[in-house]
Amino acid sequence: MRCLYFGKKNILHNACRCLRCLLREAEAISTFKLLTYCLTFLKSNERILLAT
């Protein structure tokens, strides 16, 4: 993971950048999980939704 590199002199800036990187990754993962859940839900209830 690129954002875990603390070799520069401004460690605080790098730590903040790393946190932003991790938050972005967590957001992407949770969005993907939500989409997967929604697609699974729609697929499992397809007949019910089409009948209405």
N, C-alpha and C. Protein backbone atom coordinates (compact mmCIF):
# COMPACT_ATOMS: atom_id res chain seq x y z
N MET A 1 0.85 -1.18 0.00
CA MET A 1 0.00 0.00 0.00
C MET A 1 0.89 1.25 0.00
N ARG A 2 0.72 2.08 -0.99
CA ARG A 2 1.58 3.26 -1.14
C ARG A 2 1.44 4.25 -0.01
N CYS A 3 0.24 4.39 0.56
CA CYS A 3 0.01 5.45 1.54
C CYS A 3 0.65 5.16 2.89
N LEU A 4 1.21 3.98 3.09
CA LEU A 4 1.84 3.67 4.38
C LEU A 4 3.31 4.05 4.41
N TYR A 5 3.78 4.79 3.42
CA TYR A 5 5.19 5.19 3.37
C TYR A 5 5.38 6.46 4.19
N PHE A 6 6.22 6.40 5.23
CA PHE A 6 6.46 7.55 6.10
C PHE A 6 7.90 8.04 5.99
N GLY A 7 8.52 7.92 4.83
CA GLY A 7 9.92 8.28 4.68
C GLY A 7 10.17 9.78 4.57
N LYS A 8 9.14 10.57 4.30
CA LYS A 8 9.30 12.02 4.15
C LYS A 8 9.46 12.69 5.51
N LYS A 9 9.86 13.97 5.50
CA LYS A 9 10.09 14.64 6.79
C LYS A 9 8.81 15.06 7.49
N ASN A 10 7.74 15.33 6.74
CA ASN A 10 6.50 15.76 7.38
C ASN A 10 5.62 14.54 7.66
N ILE A 11 5.86 13.91 8.82
CA ILE A 11 5.18 12.66 9.16
C ILE A 11 3.68 12.88 9.37
N LEU A 12 3.31 14.01 9.99
CA LEU A 12 1.89 14.29 10.24
C LEU A 12 1.12 14.39 8.93
N HIS A 13 1.70 15.09 7.96
CA HIS A 13 1.05 15.22 6.65
C HIS A 13 0.89 13.85 6.01
N ASN A 14 1.93 13.03 6.09
CA ASN A 14 1.85 11.69 5.52
C ASN A 14 0.80 10.84 6.23
N ALA A 15 0.70 10.98 7.56
CA ALA A 15 -0.29 10.21 8.31
C ALA A 15 -1.70 10.62 7.90
N CYS A 16 -1.93 11.92 7.73
CA CYS A 16 -3.24 12.40 7.29
C CYS A 16 -3.57 11.89 5.90
N ARG A 17 -2.56 11.92 5.02
CA ARG A 17 -2.75 11.42 3.66
C ARG A 17 -3.07 9.93 3.70
N CYS A 18 -2.40 9.19 4.59
CA CYS A 18 -2.65 7.76 4.72
C CYS A 18 -4.07 7.50 5.20
N LEU A 19 -4.53 8.29 6.18
CA LEU A 19 -5.89 8.13 6.69
C LEU A 19 -6.92 8.39 5.59
N ARG A 20 -6.67 9.44 4.79
CA ARG A 20 -7.58 9.73 3.68
C ARG A 20 -7.60 8.57 2.70
N CYS A 21 -6.42 8.00 2.44
CA CYS A 21 -6.31 6.85 1.54
C CYS A 21 -7.11 5.67 2.08
N LEU A 22 -6.94 5.38 3.36
CA LEU A 22 -7.66 4.26 3.97
C LEU A 22 -9.16 4.50 3.98
N LEU A 23 -9.58 5.74 4.26
CA LEU A 23 -11.01 6.06 4.25
C LEU A 23 -11.60 5.89 2.85
N ARG A 24 -10.85 6.31 1.84
CA ARG A 24 -11.31 6.16 0.46
C ARG A 24 -11.47 4.69 0.12
N GLU A 25 -10.50 3.87 0.53
CA GLU A 25 -10.58 2.43 0.26
C GLU A 25 -11.76 1.81 0.99
N ALA A 26 -11.98 2.20 2.25
CA ALA A 26 -13.10 1.66 3.03
C ALA A 26 -14.43 2.07 2.40
N GLU A 27 -14.50 3.31 1.91
CA GLU A 27 -15.71 3.80 1.26
C GLU A 27 -15.99 3.01 -0.01
N ALA A 28 -14.95 2.74 -0.79
CA ALA A 28 -15.11 1.97 -2.02
C ALA A 28 -15.57 0.54 -1.71
N ILE A 29 -14.99 -0.05 -0.68
CA ILE A 29 -15.37 -1.42 -0.31
C ILE A 29 -16.81 -1.47 0.17
N SER A 30 -17.22 -0.50 1.02
CA SER A 30 -18.59 -0.50 1.53
C SER A 30 -19.59 -0.22 0.42
N THR A 31 -19.24 0.64 -0.54
CA THR A 31 -20.11 0.90 -1.68
C THR A 31 -20.29 -0.36 -2.51
N PHE A 32 -19.18 -1.08 -2.74
CA PHE A 32 -19.23 -2.33 -3.50
C PHE A 32 -20.10 -3.36 -2.78
N LYS A 33 -19.95 -3.46 -1.45
CA LYS A 33 -20.75 -4.41 -0.67
C LYS A 33 -22.23 -4.04 -0.74
N LEU A 34 -22.53 -2.74 -0.66
CA LEU A 34 -23.92 -2.29 -0.73
C LEU A 34 -24.53 -2.63 -2.09
N LEU A 35 -23.79 -2.37 -3.17
CA LEU A 35 -24.28 -2.70 -4.50
C LEU A 35 -24.49 -4.19 -4.66
N THR A 36 -23.55 -4.98 -4.16
CA THR A 36 -23.68 -6.44 -4.23
C THR A 36 -24.91 -6.91 -3.47
N TYR A 37 -25.13 -6.33 -2.28
CA TYR A 37 -26.31 -6.69 -1.48
C TYR A 37 -27.59 -6.33 -2.22
N CYS A 38 -27.62 -5.12 -2.80
CA CYS A 38 -28.83 -4.69 -3.53
C CYS A 38 -29.11 -5.60 -4.71
N LEU A 39 -28.07 -5.95 -5.47
CA LEU A 39 -28.26 -6.84 -6.62
C LEU A 39 -28.74 -8.21 -6.17
N THR A 40 -28.18 -8.72 -5.09
CA THR A 40 -28.61 -10.03 -4.56
C THR A 40 -30.06 -9.97 -4.11
N PHE A 41 -30.42 -8.88 -3.44
CA PHE A 41 -31.80 -8.71 -2.97
C PHE A 41 -32.77 -8.64 -4.14
N LEU A 42 -32.43 -7.85 -5.16
CA LEU A 42 -33.30 -7.72 -6.32
C LEU A 42 -33.44 -9.05 -7.05
N LYS A 43 -32.34 -9.76 -7.18
CA LYS A 43 -32.37 -11.04 -7.88
C LYS A 43 -33.22 -12.06 -7.13
N SER A 44 -33.11 -12.08 -5.79
CA SER A 44 -33.88 -13.04 -5.01
C SER A 44 -35.36 -12.68 -4.95
N ASN A 45 -35.70 -11.41 -5.14
CA ASN A 45 -37.10 -10.97 -5.10
C ASN A 45 -37.61 -10.58 -6.48
N GLU A 46 -36.97 -11.09 -7.51
CA GLU A 46 -37.32 -10.70 -8.88
C GLU A 46 -38.77 -11.04 -9.21
N ARG A 47 -39.19 -12.25 -8.87
CA ARG A 47 -40.56 -12.67 -9.19
C ARG A 47 -41.59 -11.82 -8.47
N ILE A 48 -41.32 -11.49 -7.21
CA ILE A 48 -42.25 -10.68 -6.42
C ILE A 48 -42.36 -9.28 -7.02
N LEU A 49 -41.20 -8.70 -7.40
CA LEU A 49 -41.20 -7.35 -7.95
C LEU A 49 -41.88 -7.30 -9.32
N LEU A 50 -41.69 -8.34 -10.13
CA LEU A 50 -42.31 -8.35 -11.46
C LEU A 50 -43.81 -8.59 -11.38
N ALA A 51 -44.27 -9.26 -10.35
CA ALA A 51 -45.69 -9.56 -10.20
C ALA A 51 -46.50 -8.33 -9.81
N THR A 52 -45.86 -7.35 -9.21
CA THR A 52 -46.61 -6.17 -8.74
C THR A 52 -46.78 -5.14 -9.82
